[in-house]
Amino acid sequence: MMARTKAPKEIKEEPIEKQLWKAADKLRKNIDAAEYKHVVLGLMFLKYISDSFEEMYAKLQAGEGEYAGADPEDKDEYKGENIFFVPQQARWSFLLTSARQSDIGILVDEAMDIIEKENPMLKGVLPKVYARQNLDPASLGGLIDLMSNIALGDAKSRSRDVLGHVFEYFLGEFALAEGKQGGQFYTPRSIVELLVSMLEPYKGRVLDPCCGSGGMFVQSERFIKEHQGRVKDISIYGQESNQTTWRLAKINLAIRGIDSSQVKWNNEGSFLNDAHKDLKADYVIANPPFNDSDWSGEQLRGDGRWKYGIPPAGNANFAWLQHFIFHLAPNGIAGVVLAKGALTSKSSGEGDIRKSMIADGNLIDCVVNLPAKLFLNTQIPAALWFLNRARNNGHPRKNEILFIDARNLGHLINRRTRELSSDDTDLIAETYHDWRTGEGKYEDIKGFCASVPMERVQELDYVLTPGRYVGLAEEEDDFDFAERFAALKAEFESQLVEEAELNKAIAENLARIKI
């Protein structure tokens, strides 16, 4: 009787971005994540523009059809196709052949300089950190070899999408690696997706006055593509006060082929030096710093943006809200993340500002209470605010506010961090759309959502915490208390056994040590 042979076990291959991250992280050695991210992300950008250039170069060199008689070294040929011109010494193929040389760091820095000189819109943007002593040339050569594997096979024709996806994944991983500091340049993807899904920025001007690494813009463009819209129908405007973060934004957007000419940097920031003073945006999407006490409030006491009250000098939350409102077009809508305290605070006149925004301005469309642990840089509870300038222009719910309590949604991706799933995002966004348009079958759900009349909000002194309005979720009728108690008891006893075994192993190891 022949022995049965087992079918080979199918090995599920990791996505390319995870493979690349693990390999790149191994090459990091003693470099901090905050510094290393510029090394890796700069190389990714170089790879992207070189791939795009060399693909176009091959078409021009072949000289077929519309490219007949074209000169592949003519810069204008690339400019017309919105492709960066890359001189010989900066091309990826040249760097790859030099990857194992001891002076590879100098060559990469020179490549970055050359590209900036050839492409003025990149001036002052690209990192020149590759010849530093703490970056081992062998590790840098290894990174270049690694990056060469990004656009494989049929992926080459869509390298912009592949590289863009890998770049975004790396941004998130570096933010996790940096912890608190990382959150300053990166808003977690699930929150960005939720904001964009709720706002649906199909057409018009999109503003983010504290844009970080540009994630809001990237997601807006992706949303349009996924819903068969035209990317050219929107234009983006941004501002960032941290120059290093602004550079990341410019690179992130360039990889996506998104025009970043109106994404501005100055170290004074949006309050003191508004780069888009006259802009009236159709959409504002933003995640400003929570409870910022260093926003120069004392210098701006008489500013014209404070239509609903002068924000306290010690907290910028209501300054940000009024800055967003100031920049909204007559039918504009904003989706912003703020510390949850802004929903209830009455200190230093904040309660009066909130009351005026609701009672006088009728600006608050919806408030979403977010789960804990979504953010990398803070444990402060957060909420989403949706401000709508069109509430008095035929809005079917103009005398109500929608409250959504999403604290029980999301799942842990590690001990410290939670994220929303696509199902969570769809549930929240669809609830808002059904409510706002009046076209869907919206209904209140205890413990999750409630459409609340203005009179009720007034009764509660204009406090906007969703939990005050949505009530408690109804318990399932078939909930078995005894069964649940037994399960918890078994879990607890299992943990005690594991702890006892661990203590025993530690004691045995200590006993073996000879003093």
Protein backbone atom coordinates (compact mmCIF):
# COMPACT_ATOMS: atom_id res chain seq x y z
CA MET A 1 0.00 0.00 0.00
CA MET A 2 1.48 3.29 -1.08
CA ALA A 3 2.01 5.90 1.61
CA ARG A 4 -0.07 8.98 1.22
CA THR A 5 1.92 12.08 0.43
CA LYS A 6 0.82 15.21 2.18
CA ALA A 7 -0.16 18.13 0.01
CA PRO A 8 2.43 20.86 0.35
CA LYS A 9 1.32 23.51 2.78
CA GLU A 10 0.46 26.71 1.01
CA ILE A 11 2.67 29.53 2.21
CA LYS A 12 0.95 32.88 2.13
CA GLU A 13 3.42 35.46 0.93
CA GLU A 14 3.50 38.76 2.78
CA PRO A 15 2.55 41.91 0.86
CA ILE A 16 5.53 43.63 -0.72
CA GLU A 17 5.30 46.65 1.61
CA LYS A 18 5.69 44.41 4.68
CA GLN A 19 8.60 42.51 3.15
CA LEU A 20 10.34 45.77 2.28
CA TRP A 21 9.70 47.27 5.72
CA LYS A 22 11.21 44.28 7.53
CA ALA A 23 14.26 44.30 5.28
CA ALA A 24 14.74 48.06 5.48
CA ASP A 25 14.34 48.04 9.27
CA LYS A 26 17.08 45.39 9.56
CA LEU A 27 19.45 47.73 7.73
CA ARG A 28 18.70 50.57 10.16
CA LYS A 29 21.24 49.46 12.77
CA ASN A 30 21.94 52.34 15.16
CA ILE A 31 20.06 55.13 13.38
CA ASP A 32 16.96 56.57 15.08
CA ALA A 33 13.69 56.03 13.23
CA ALA A 34 13.17 59.82 13.07
CA GLU A 35 16.38 60.20 11.07
CA TYR A 36 16.18 56.94 9.14
CA LYS A 37 12.79 57.76 7.63
CA HIS A 38 14.35 60.53 5.53
CA VAL A 39 16.96 58.09 4.22
CA VAL A 40 14.37 55.51 3.15
CA LEU A 41 11.59 57.80 1.96
CA GLY A 42 14.05 59.95 0.00
CA LEU A 43 15.30 56.86 -1.84
CA MET A 44 11.72 55.83 -2.59
CA PHE A 45 11.07 59.19 -4.20
CA LEU A 46 14.26 58.94 -6.24
CA LYS A 47 13.18 55.50 -7.40
CA TYR A 48 9.74 56.75 -8.40
CA ILE A 49 10.88 59.73 -10.48
CA SER A 50 13.61 57.64 -12.11
CA ASP A 51 11.12 54.88 -13.03
CA SER A 52 8.76 57.45 -14.55
CA PHE A 53 11.59 59.18 -16.39
CA GLU A 54 13.15 56.00 -17.79
CA GLU A 55 9.78 54.72 -19.01
CA MET A 56 9.27 57.97 -20.91
CA TYR A 57 12.89 57.94 -22.07
CA ALA A 58 12.35 54.51 -23.68
CA LYS A 59 9.28 55.78 -25.56
CA LEU A 60 11.15 58.83 -26.87
CA GLN A 61 14.15 56.72 -27.84
CA ALA A 62 11.94 54.29 -29.77
CA GLY A 63 10.56 57.32 -31.65
CA GLU A 64 7.29 55.72 -32.69
CA GLY A 65 3.99 57.46 -33.50
CA GLU A 66 3.66 60.81 -31.72
CA TYR A 67 7.25 60.45 -30.48
CA ALA A 68 8.80 60.18 -33.96
CA GLY A 69 11.95 62.32 -34.15
CA ALA A 70 11.85 63.14 -30.43
CA ASP A 71 15.07 63.73 -28.48
CA PRO A 72 15.09 61.64 -25.25
CA GLU A 73 17.44 64.19 -23.64
CA ASP A 74 15.12 67.16 -24.36
CA LYS A 75 13.74 68.38 -21.02
CA ASP A 76 10.65 69.89 -22.63
CA GLU A 77 9.48 66.44 -23.73
CA TYR A 78 9.18 65.43 -20.07
CA LYS A 79 7.72 68.71 -18.87
CA GLY A 80 4.83 68.31 -21.31
CA GLU A 81 4.03 64.91 -19.78
CA ASN A 82 4.33 66.19 -16.18
CA ILE A 83 7.38 63.99 -15.57
CA PHE A 84 10.46 65.10 -13.64
CA PHE A 85 13.62 65.29 -15.76
CA VAL A 86 16.38 63.13 -14.27
CA PRO A 87 19.99 63.68 -15.47
CA GLN A 88 22.27 60.69 -16.03
CA GLN A 89 24.09 60.87 -12.66
CA ALA A 90 20.79 60.86 -10.74
CA ARG A 91 19.11 57.96 -12.53
CA TRP A 92 18.38 54.85 -10.51
CA SER A 93 20.21 52.63 -12.98
CA PHE A 94 23.41 54.63 -12.43
CA LEU A 95 23.10 54.53 -8.63
CA LEU A 96 22.34 50.81 -8.69
CA THR A 97 25.60 50.06 -10.51
CA SER A 98 27.43 52.12 -7.85
CA ALA A 99 25.52 50.74 -4.84
CA ARG A 100 28.48 48.75 -3.48
CA GLN A 101 31.01 51.58 -3.72
CA SER A 102 32.28 53.24 -0.54
CA ASP A 103 31.27 56.69 -1.83
CA ILE A 104 27.62 55.74 -2.59
CA GLY A 105 26.38 58.22 0.06
CA ILE A 106 28.10 61.11 -1.72
CA LEU A 107 26.66 59.97 -5.06
CA VAL A 108 23.09 59.88 -3.70
CA ASP A 109 23.43 63.34 -2.11
CA GLU A 110 24.72 64.67 -5.44
CA ALA A 111 21.77 63.02 -7.21
CA MET A 112 19.34 64.84 -4.90
CA ASP A 113 21.10 68.17 -5.60
CA ILE A 114 21.02 67.59 -9.35
CA ILE A 115 17.29 66.77 -9.35
CA GLU A 116 16.46 69.91 -7.35
CA LYS A 117 18.44 72.06 -9.79
CA GLU A 118 16.66 70.53 -12.79
CA ASN A 119 13.20 70.76 -11.18
CA PRO A 120 12.68 74.08 -9.35
CA MET A 121 9.43 72.95 -7.68
CA LEU A 122 11.52 70.47 -5.64
CA LYS A 123 13.98 73.12 -4.43
CA GLY A 124 14.79 72.64 -0.74
CA VAL A 125 12.58 69.54 -0.51
CA LEU A 126 14.80 66.48 -1.01
CA PRO A 127 16.97 65.02 1.81
CA LYS A 128 20.77 65.17 1.51
CA VAL A 129 21.65 62.88 4.42
CA TYR A 130 23.30 59.96 2.68
CA ALA A 131 27.00 60.80 3.20
CA ARG A 132 26.70 61.09 6.99
CA GLN A 133 29.08 58.98 9.05
CA ASN A 134 26.33 57.14 10.95
CA LEU A 135 24.94 55.71 7.69
CA ASP A 136 27.05 52.72 6.75
CA PRO A 137 27.72 52.64 2.95
CA ALA A 138 27.05 48.89 2.92
CA SER A 139 23.62 49.43 4.50
CA LEU A 140 22.84 52.20 2.03
CA GLY A 141 23.87 49.94 -0.86
CA GLY A 142 21.62 47.23 0.58
CA LEU A 143 18.70 49.69 0.66
CA ILE A 144 19.24 50.62 -2.99
CA ASP A 145 19.25 46.93 -3.94
CA LEU A 146 16.08 46.48 -1.89
CA MET A 147 14.26 49.40 -3.51
CA SER A 148 15.10 47.99 -6.93
CA ASN A 149 12.66 45.16 -6.22
CA ILE A 150 9.60 47.38 -5.73
CA ALA A 151 8.41 47.51 -9.34
CA LEU A 152 8.44 43.82 -10.29
CA GLY A 153 7.02 42.32 -13.49
CA ASP A 154 3.69 43.80 -14.48
CA ALA A 155 3.90 46.15 -11.49
CA LYS A 156 6.41 48.24 -13.44
CA SER A 157 3.69 49.83 -15.55
CA ARG A 158 1.92 50.97 -12.39
CA SER A 159 4.96 51.79 -10.27
CA ARG A 160 3.45 55.09 -9.15
CA ASP A 161 0.61 53.23 -7.39
CA VAL A 162 2.92 50.56 -6.00
CA LEU A 163 5.48 53.08 -4.74
CA GLY A 164 2.77 55.38 -3.42
CA HIS A 165 1.24 52.54 -1.44
CA VAL A 166 4.63 51.44 -0.07
CA PHE A 167 5.52 55.05 0.79
CA GLU A 168 2.27 55.48 2.74
CA TYR A 169 2.80 52.18 4.56
CA PHE A 170 6.34 53.24 5.52
CA LEU A 171 5.07 56.60 6.80
CA GLY A 172 2.75 54.74 9.16
CA GLU A 173 5.44 52.31 10.30
CA PHE A 174 7.91 55.13 10.97
CA ALA A 175 5.23 56.99 12.93
CA LEU A 176 4.69 53.86 15.06
CA ALA A 177 8.45 53.47 15.53
CA GLU A 178 8.83 57.08 16.62
CA GLY A 179 5.89 56.99 19.01
CA LYS A 180 4.81 60.43 20.24
CA GLN A 181 6.94 62.44 17.83
CA GLY A 182 5.72 60.40 14.86
CA GLY A 183 2.14 61.50 15.38
CA GLN A 184 3.11 65.05 14.52
CA PHE A 185 3.55 64.21 10.85
CA TYR A 186 1.08 61.36 10.45
CA THR A 187 -2.67 61.02 10.98
CA PRO A 188 -3.61 57.31 11.14
CA ARG A 189 -5.04 56.11 7.86
CA SER A 190 -8.35 54.85 9.26
CA ILE A 191 -9.18 58.33 10.62
CA VAL A 192 -8.25 60.00 7.33
CA GLU A 193 -10.39 57.50 5.43
CA LEU A 194 -13.34 58.17 7.75
CA LEU A 195 -13.10 61.95 7.34
CA VAL A 196 -12.87 61.72 3.56
CA SER A 197 -15.67 59.14 3.32
CA MET A 198 -17.98 61.41 5.31
CA LEU A 199 -17.09 64.59 3.42
CA GLU A 200 -16.97 63.08 -0.11
CA PRO A 201 -14.75 65.74 -1.73
CA TYR A 202 -15.64 65.11 -5.39
CA LYS A 203 -15.12 68.58 -6.78
CA GLY A 204 -13.72 71.95 -5.69
CA ARG A 205 -11.02 73.33 -3.40
CA VAL A 206 -9.71 71.22 -0.52
CA LEU A 207 -7.82 72.92 2.32
CA ASP A 208 -5.76 71.49 5.18
CA PRO A 209 -4.08 74.33 7.14
CA CYS A 210 -2.00 71.88 9.25
CA CYS A 211 -1.37 69.26 6.60
CA GLY A 212 1.40 67.10 8.10
CA SER A 213 2.69 64.66 5.47
CA GLY A 214 -0.30 65.27 3.16
CA GLY A 215 -2.39 62.20 3.97
CA MET A 216 -5.71 64.08 3.74
CA PHE A 217 -4.93 65.11 0.15
CA VAL A 218 -3.78 61.64 -0.89
CA GLN A 219 -6.96 60.07 0.49
CA SER A 220 -9.15 62.70 -1.23
CA GLU A 221 -7.58 61.87 -4.57
CA ARG A 222 -7.95 58.15 -3.93
CA PHE A 223 -11.63 58.64 -3.00
CA ILE A 224 -12.32 60.41 -6.30
CA LYS A 225 -10.60 57.68 -8.33
CA GLU A 226 -12.48 54.93 -6.50
CA HIS A 227 -15.80 56.64 -7.20
CA GLN A 228 -15.16 57.25 -10.90
CA GLY A 229 -14.66 60.98 -10.46
CA ARG A 230 -12.04 63.16 -12.14
CA VAL A 231 -8.96 64.01 -10.09
CA LYS A 232 -8.54 67.26 -12.01
CA ASP A 233 -11.87 68.43 -10.59
CA ILE A 234 -10.25 69.20 -7.24
CA SER A 235 -7.39 71.49 -6.28
CA ILE A 236 -5.50 71.25 -3.01
CA TYR A 237 -4.26 73.94 -0.65
CA GLY A 238 -2.18 73.22 2.40
CA GLN A 239 0.09 74.74 5.01
CA GLU A 240 2.59 73.24 7.44
CA SER A 241 4.80 74.99 10.00
CA ASN A 242 7.33 72.15 10.44
CA GLN A 243 9.70 72.27 7.48
CA THR A 244 10.77 68.63 7.77
CA THR A 245 7.13 67.51 7.74
CA TRP A 246 6.36 69.84 4.82
CA ARG A 247 9.15 68.17 2.84
CA LEU A 248 7.59 64.78 3.51
CA ALA A 249 4.25 66.13 2.27
CA LYS A 250 5.79 67.45 -0.95
CA ILE A 251 7.50 64.09 -1.62
CA ASN A 252 4.36 62.13 -0.71
CA LEU A 253 2.26 64.17 -3.13
CA ALA A 254 4.89 64.10 -5.90
CA ILE A 255 4.94 60.30 -5.80
CA ARG A 256 1.18 60.35 -6.36
CA GLY A 257 1.47 62.85 -9.19
CA ILE A 258 -0.56 65.39 -7.18
CA ASP A 259 0.10 69.09 -7.78
CA SER A 260 1.54 70.43 -4.51
CA SER A 261 2.32 73.96 -5.70
CA GLN A 262 -0.21 75.36 -3.19
CA VAL A 263 1.11 73.37 -0.24
CA LYS A 264 3.07 76.06 1.60
CA TRP A 265 5.53 76.20 4.46
CA ASN A 266 6.38 78.97 6.87
CA ASN A 267 7.59 78.55 10.44
CA GLU A 268 5.00 80.98 11.81
CA GLY A 269 2.06 78.73 11.01
CA SER A 270 -1.52 79.31 9.86
CA PHE A 271 -2.57 81.62 12.69
CA LEU A 272 0.25 84.17 12.42
CA ASN A 273 1.02 83.84 8.70
CA ASP A 274 -1.94 82.43 6.79
CA ALA A 275 -0.57 81.28 3.41
CA HIS A 276 -4.08 81.25 1.87
CA LYS A 277 -5.65 84.39 3.33
CA ASP A 278 -8.25 84.87 0.60
CA LEU A 279 -9.14 81.23 -0.01
CA LYS A 280 -12.72 80.09 0.45
CA ALA A 281 -12.61 76.29 0.34
CA ASP A 282 -15.34 73.84 -0.54
CA TYR A 283 -13.84 71.34 1.91
CA VAL A 284 -11.60 71.67 4.94
CA ILE A 285 -10.08 68.42 6.24
CA ALA A 286 -7.72 68.73 9.19
CA ASN A 287 -6.18 67.19 12.29
CA PRO A 288 -4.71 70.16 14.20
CA PRO A 289 -2.56 69.76 17.34
CA PHE A 290 -4.74 68.98 20.37
CA ASN A 291 -5.07 71.63 23.10
CA ASP A 292 -2.13 73.66 21.74
CA SER A 293 -1.12 76.27 24.33
CA ASP A 294 1.67 77.82 22.23
CA TRP A 295 -0.30 79.30 19.34
CA SER A 296 0.42 83.05 19.88
CA GLY A 297 -3.14 83.75 21.00
CA GLU A 298 -2.22 86.95 22.86
CA GLN A 299 -0.95 88.50 19.62
CA LEU A 300 -4.23 87.80 17.84
CA ARG A 301 -6.86 89.06 20.28
CA GLY A 302 -8.49 91.38 17.73
CA ASP A 303 -8.27 89.06 14.72
CA GLY A 304 -11.20 89.14 12.28
CA ARG A 305 -11.47 85.35 12.25
CA TRP A 306 -12.93 85.26 15.77
CA LYS A 307 -16.54 85.81 14.71
CA TYR A 308 -17.99 83.63 17.48
CA GLY A 309 -15.73 84.73 20.33
CA ILE A 310 -12.09 85.30 21.23
CA PRO A 311 -10.39 81.93 21.84
CA PRO A 312 -8.33 81.57 25.03
CA ALA A 313 -4.60 82.18 24.67
CA GLY A 314 -3.92 78.90 26.49
CA ASN A 315 -5.79 76.60 24.10
CA ALA A 316 -6.06 76.76 20.29
CA ASN A 317 -9.02 74.37 19.83
CA PHE A 318 -11.62 77.07 19.19
CA ALA A 319 -9.12 79.17 17.27
CA TRP A 320 -8.71 76.25 14.85
CA LEU A 321 -12.48 75.79 14.53
CA GLN A 322 -12.99 79.46 13.71
CA HIS A 323 -10.03 79.46 11.33
CA PHE A 324 -11.67 76.59 9.43
CA ILE A 325 -15.04 78.37 9.37
CA PHE A 326 -13.37 81.55 8.08
CA HIS A 327 -11.97 79.60 5.13
CA LEU A 328 -15.22 77.81 4.20
CA ALA A 329 -17.12 78.87 1.07
CA PRO A 330 -20.86 79.66 1.52
CA ASN A 331 -21.74 75.99 0.90
CA GLY A 332 -18.48 74.62 2.29
CA ILE A 333 -18.17 71.78 4.77
CA ALA A 334 -15.35 70.87 7.18
CA GLY A 335 -14.38 67.62 8.90
CA VAL A 336 -11.84 68.01 11.69
CA VAL A 337 -10.35 66.07 14.58
CA LEU A 338 -10.25 67.73 17.99
CA ALA A 339 -9.62 66.75 21.60
CA LYS A 340 -12.86 65.53 23.14
CA GLY A 341 -12.64 68.20 25.85
CA ALA A 342 -13.72 70.84 23.31
CA LEU A 343 -17.20 69.25 23.32
CA THR A 344 -17.83 70.22 26.95
CA SER A 345 -15.26 72.84 28.02
CA LYS A 346 -16.58 76.07 29.51
CA SER A 347 -13.28 77.53 30.68
CA SER A 348 -11.98 80.88 29.38
CA GLY A 349 -15.08 81.51 27.29
CA GLU A 350 -14.93 78.27 25.27
CA GLY A 351 -18.48 77.35 26.24
CA ASP A 352 -19.73 80.70 24.94
CA ILE A 353 -17.94 80.23 21.62
CA ARG A 354 -19.42 76.76 21.22
CA LYS A 355 -22.90 78.11 22.06
CA SER A 356 -22.54 80.93 19.51
CA MET A 357 -21.39 78.51 16.79
CA ILE A 358 -24.55 76.45 17.41
CA ALA A 359 -27.20 79.04 18.30
CA ASP A 360 -26.05 81.96 16.14
CA GLY A 361 -24.12 80.27 13.34
CA ASN A 362 -26.05 76.99 13.07
CA LEU A 363 -22.77 75.44 11.91
CA ILE A 364 -22.56 72.06 13.66
CA ASP A 365 -23.77 69.23 11.45
CA CYS A 366 -22.44 66.14 13.21
CA VAL A 367 -20.20 65.03 16.08
CA VAL A 368 -18.53 61.60 16.20
CA ASN A 369 -17.05 60.27 19.43
CA LEU A 370 -13.96 58.22 18.48
CA PRO A 371 -12.57 55.07 20.16
CA ALA A 372 -9.52 55.34 22.40
CA LYS A 373 -5.96 54.48 21.23
CA LEU A 374 -6.41 55.58 17.61
CA PHE A 375 -3.59 58.13 17.74
CA LEU A 376 0.14 57.48 17.97
CA ASN A 377 1.12 60.71 19.70
CA THR A 378 -1.52 61.12 22.40
CA GLN A 379 -3.89 59.23 24.66
CA ILE A 380 -6.22 62.24 24.81
CA PRO A 381 -9.77 61.18 23.80
CA ALA A 382 -10.79 62.66 20.45
CA ALA A 383 -13.89 63.47 18.43
CA LEU A 384 -14.72 64.49 14.87
CA TRP A 385 -16.57 67.75 14.21
CA PHE A 386 -18.42 68.38 10.95
CA LEU A 387 -19.09 72.06 10.27
CA ASN A 388 -21.50 72.90 7.46
CA ARG A 389 -22.00 76.43 6.10
CA ALA A 390 -24.95 75.20 3.99
CA ARG A 391 -27.21 74.23 6.90
CA ASN A 392 -29.51 77.21 6.28
CA ASN A 393 -29.65 76.57 2.52
CA GLY A 394 -32.18 73.76 2.21
CA HIS A 395 -30.52 71.31 4.61
CA PRO A 396 -33.24 68.74 5.52
CA ARG A 397 -31.94 68.57 9.12
CA LYS A 398 -31.06 72.22 9.67
CA ASN A 399 -32.66 72.29 13.15
CA GLU A 400 -30.98 69.09 14.36
CA ILE A 401 -27.46 67.79 15.08
CA LEU A 402 -26.41 64.19 14.45
CA PHE A 403 -24.50 62.53 17.28
CA ILE A 404 -22.60 59.28 16.68
CA ASP A 405 -20.90 57.37 19.50
CA ALA A 406 -18.26 55.15 17.88
CA ARG A 407 -16.29 54.36 21.04
CA ASN A 408 -17.04 50.63 20.78
CA LEU A 409 -15.87 50.31 17.19
CA GLY A 410 -12.37 49.48 15.92
CA HIS A 411 -9.90 46.72 16.76
CA LEU A 412 -6.43 46.59 18.34
CA ILE A 413 -3.48 46.15 15.97
CA ASN A 414 -1.06 46.04 18.91
CA ARG A 415 -1.23 46.77 22.66
CA ARG A 416 -1.09 50.53 22.20
CA THR A 417 -2.91 51.16 18.95
CA ARG A 418 -6.45 50.67 17.65
CA GLU A 419 -7.76 51.24 14.13
CA LEU A 420 -11.15 51.39 12.46
CA SER A 421 -11.99 48.71 9.89
CA SER A 422 -13.49 49.52 6.49
CA ASP A 423 -16.82 48.19 7.84
CA ASP A 424 -16.62 50.63 10.77
CA THR A 425 -15.88 53.50 8.38
CA ASP A 426 -18.75 52.52 6.08
CA LEU A 427 -21.19 52.28 8.99
CA ILE A 428 -20.37 55.75 10.32
CA ALA A 429 -20.19 57.42 6.90
CA GLU A 430 -23.44 55.86 5.63
CA THR A 431 -25.25 56.87 8.83
CA TYR A 432 -24.15 60.47 8.29
CA HIS A 433 -25.04 60.49 4.57
CA ASP A 434 -28.49 58.97 5.18
CA TRP A 435 -29.13 61.60 7.84
CA ARG A 436 -27.70 64.60 5.99
CA THR A 437 -29.33 64.01 2.61
CA GLY A 438 -32.67 62.75 3.87
CA GLU A 439 -32.55 60.21 1.03
CA GLY A 440 -31.64 57.11 3.06
CA LYS A 441 -33.55 55.32 5.79
CA TYR A 442 -31.93 57.03 8.76
CA GLU A 443 -33.15 56.08 12.22
CA ASP A 444 -31.80 56.57 15.73
CA ILE A 445 -30.00 53.56 17.22
CA LYS A 446 -29.67 53.48 21.00
CA GLY A 447 -26.06 53.60 22.06
CA PHE A 448 -24.83 54.53 18.58
CA CYS A 449 -26.58 57.49 16.90
CA ALA A 450 -29.25 60.10 17.55
CA SER A 451 -30.61 63.07 15.58
CA VAL A 452 -31.17 65.68 18.25
CA PRO A 453 -33.33 68.86 18.03
CA MET A 454 -31.61 72.15 18.83
CA GLU A 455 -33.93 72.61 21.80
CA ARG A 456 -32.50 69.50 23.45
CA VAL A 457 -28.93 70.69 22.86
CA GLN A 458 -29.89 74.02 24.42
CA GLU A 459 -31.37 72.20 27.45
CA LEU A 460 -28.01 70.52 28.00
CA ASP A 461 -26.24 73.90 27.83
CA TYR A 462 -24.72 73.26 24.38
CA VAL A 463 -22.62 70.34 25.52
CA LEU A 464 -21.85 68.16 22.47
CA THR A 465 -20.77 64.83 23.95
CA PRO A 466 -22.53 62.12 21.89
CA GLY A 467 -22.94 59.85 24.93
CA ARG A 468 -25.31 62.42 26.47
CA TYR A 469 -27.72 62.04 23.55
CA VAL A 470 -27.51 58.52 22.10
CA GLY A 471 -28.28 56.70 25.36
CA LEU A 472 -27.23 53.16 26.25
CA ALA A 473 -27.28 50.30 23.78
CA GLU A 474 -30.04 47.78 24.32
CA GLU A 475 -28.70 44.45 25.61
CA GLU A 476 -29.27 41.32 23.52
CA ASP A 477 -32.20 39.28 24.85
CA ASP A 478 -30.21 36.05 24.65
CA PHE A 479 -27.28 37.26 26.75
CA ASP A 480 -26.28 34.42 29.09
CA PHE A 481 -24.72 35.89 32.24
CA ALA A 482 -23.69 32.50 33.66
CA GLU A 483 -21.99 31.52 30.40
CA ARG A 484 -20.11 34.81 30.18
CA PHE A 485 -19.04 34.59 33.84
CA ALA A 486 -17.75 31.05 33.32
CA ALA A 487 -15.73 32.13 30.27
CA LEU A 488 -14.15 35.05 32.15
CA LYS A 489 -13.36 32.78 35.11
CA ALA A 490 -11.69 30.21 32.84
CA GLU A 491 -9.64 32.97 31.15
CA PHE A 492 -8.53 34.32 34.54
CA GLU A 493 -7.54 30.85 35.81
CA SER A 494 -5.58 30.20 32.60
CA GLN A 495 -3.63 33.42 33.13
CA LEU A 496 -2.84 32.36 36.74
CA VAL A 497 -1.47 29.02 35.48
CA GLU A 498 0.69 30.75 32.87
CA GLU A 499 2.01 33.16 35.50
CA ALA A 500 2.83 30.28 37.89
CA GLU A 501 4.70 28.41 35.15
CA LEU A 502 6.65 31.54 34.25
CA ASN A 503 7.62 32.15 37.89
CA LYS A 504 8.72 28.50 38.19
CA ALA A 505 10.91 28.79 35.09
CA ILE A 506 12.50 32.00 36.39
CA ALA A 507 13.22 30.35 39.75
CA GLU A 508 14.81 27.33 38.06
CA ASN A 509 17.04 29.53 35.91
CA LEU A 510 18.13 31.57 38.92
CA ALA A 511 18.98 28.36 40.80
CA ARG A 512 21.35 27.34 38.01
CA ILE A 513 23.34 30.56 38.30
CA LYS A 514 26.46 30.10 40.38
CA ILE A 515 27.30 33.10 42.45
